[in-house]
Amino acid sequence: MSFHPPTNEIDLAKVMAALGDSTRLAILGLLSRRQNEPLMCADFTQLASKSNLTYHLGKMREAGIIRVEPRGTCKFVSIRNDDLDSRFPGFLDLVLKVADEAAPPVPAE
């Protein structure tokens, strides 16, 4: 099982360091556009290779930005909205505005 830091241990410096990467901001933007609906890891392949995605998602998970939940053979990714909002009120809203601009367009279904 993946390590997710408890809410009270999410560190602002680690969150900001993790978000200092354009790929990670784009990942956050894609998640934000789905309005709290978890995405599968495969939904991010337009942003990076599978091995790079594993690295980026791991950094975001370790910083406490996202939650990665295994379901069968897939892993679902979601933003830890409530945890981040309770720890750093208002911070996530500001970051999501920038992240939305960094994310590629959502393909039509």
Protein backbone atom coordinates (compact mmCIF):
# COMPACT_ATOMS: atom_id res chain seq x y z
CA MET A 1 0.00 0.00 0.00
CA SER A 2 1.24 3.47 -0.82
CA PHE A 3 2.25 5.88 1.90
CA HIS A 4 0.02 8.93 2.30
CA PRO A 5 1.08 11.37 5.01
CA PRO A 6 -1.54 12.15 7.64
CA THR A 7 -3.14 15.58 7.23
CA ASN A 8 -1.27 17.09 10.17
CA GLU A 9 2.07 16.01 8.66
CA ILE A 10 1.56 17.57 5.22
CA ASP A 11 4.41 20.07 4.94
CA LEU A 12 3.95 23.27 2.92
CA ALA A 13 7.57 23.28 1.73
CA LYS A 14 7.20 19.72 0.38
CA VAL A 15 3.91 20.58 -1.30
CA MET A 16 5.41 23.65 -2.96
CA ALA A 17 8.53 21.73 -4.02
CA ALA A 18 6.38 19.01 -5.58
CA LEU A 19 4.30 21.58 -7.44
CA GLY A 20 7.40 23.31 -8.78
CA ASP A 21 7.34 20.99 -11.80
CA SER A 22 5.25 21.71 -14.92
CA THR A 23 4.25 18.05 -15.39
CA ARG A 24 2.97 17.82 -11.82
CA LEU A 25 1.02 21.07 -12.26
CA ALA A 26 -0.52 19.65 -15.42
CA ILE A 27 -1.48 16.46 -13.54
CA LEU A 28 -3.14 18.59 -10.86
CA GLY A 29 -4.94 20.62 -13.54
CA LEU A 30 -6.35 17.49 -15.18
CA LEU A 31 -7.53 16.20 -11.81
CA SER A 32 -9.10 19.55 -10.99
CA ARG A 33 -11.05 19.63 -14.25
CA ARG A 34 -12.65 16.31 -13.38
CA GLN A 35 -14.14 17.91 -10.25
CA ASN A 36 -13.08 15.35 -7.67
CA GLU A 37 -13.66 12.32 -9.91
CA PRO A 38 -10.60 10.07 -9.56
CA LEU A 39 -8.61 9.41 -12.72
CA MET A 40 -6.70 6.28 -13.64
CA CYS A 41 -2.93 6.55 -14.04
CA ALA A 42 -3.42 5.82 -17.75
CA ASP A 43 -5.37 9.09 -18.08
CA PHE A 44 -2.11 11.03 -17.71
CA THR A 45 -0.08 9.32 -20.45
CA GLN A 46 -0.37 12.41 -22.68
CA LEU A 47 1.85 14.21 -20.16
CA ALA A 48 4.78 11.81 -19.76
CA SER A 49 5.95 8.23 -20.17
CA LYS A 50 4.65 5.60 -17.74
CA SER A 51 7.93 5.54 -15.79
CA ASN A 52 7.99 9.34 -15.53
CA LEU A 53 4.36 9.37 -14.43
CA THR A 54 5.16 6.86 -11.69
CA TYR A 55 7.91 9.19 -10.48
CA HIS A 56 5.76 12.36 -10.62
CA LEU A 57 2.72 10.75 -9.00
CA GLY A 58 4.97 9.34 -6.26
CA LYS A 59 6.37 12.81 -5.49
CA MET A 60 2.87 14.27 -5.33
CA ARG A 61 1.61 11.41 -3.12
CA GLU A 62 4.56 11.68 -0.73
CA ALA A 63 3.96 15.44 -0.42
CA GLY A 64 0.30 14.83 0.47
CA ILE A 65 -1.19 16.44 -2.64
CA ILE A 66 -2.86 13.37 -4.11
CA ARG A 67 -4.24 10.04 -2.99
CA VAL A 68 -3.48 6.91 -5.04
CA GLU A 69 -5.91 4.04 -4.49
CA PRO A 70 -5.46 0.60 -6.06
CA ARG A 71 -8.66 -0.92 -7.47
CA GLY A 72 -8.09 -4.27 -9.06
CA THR A 73 -5.30 -3.89 -11.60
CA CYS A 74 -5.71 -0.10 -11.85
CA LYS A 75 -4.68 2.78 -9.62
CA PHE A 76 -6.98 5.76 -9.21
CA VAL A 77 -5.64 9.22 -8.43
CA SER A 78 -7.50 12.05 -6.68
CA ILE A 79 -6.61 15.39 -5.09
CA ARG A 80 -6.61 15.48 -1.29
CA ASN A 81 -8.84 18.57 -1.34
CA ASP A 82 -10.20 18.36 2.20
CA ASP A 83 -6.80 17.57 3.72
CA LEU A 84 -5.04 20.42 1.92
CA ASP A 85 -7.84 22.89 2.63
CA SER A 86 -7.85 22.08 6.33
CA ARG A 87 -4.05 22.29 6.55
CA PHE A 88 -3.54 25.39 4.34
CA PRO A 89 -6.87 27.24 3.89
CA GLY A 90 -7.16 28.91 0.48
CA PHE A 91 -3.82 27.60 -0.82
CA LEU A 92 -5.25 24.86 -3.03
CA ASP A 93 -7.70 27.22 -4.75
CA LEU A 94 -4.83 29.47 -5.83
CA VAL A 95 -2.72 26.56 -7.03
CA LEU A 96 -5.61 25.01 -8.98
CA LYS A 97 -6.07 28.23 -10.97
CA VAL A 98 -2.46 28.00 -12.15
CA ALA A 99 -2.64 24.23 -12.60
CA ASP A 100 -5.70 24.50 -14.83
CA GLU A 101 -3.71 26.75 -17.18
CA ALA A 102 -0.81 24.22 -17.21
CA ALA A 103 -2.99 21.24 -18.10
CA PRO A 104 -3.51 20.21 -21.71
CA PRO A 105 -7.01 20.42 -23.20
CA VAL A 106 -9.34 17.59 -22.24
CA PRO A 107 -10.06 15.43 -25.29
CA ALA A 108 -13.68 15.25 -26.41
CA GLU A 109 -15.42 12.03 -25.44
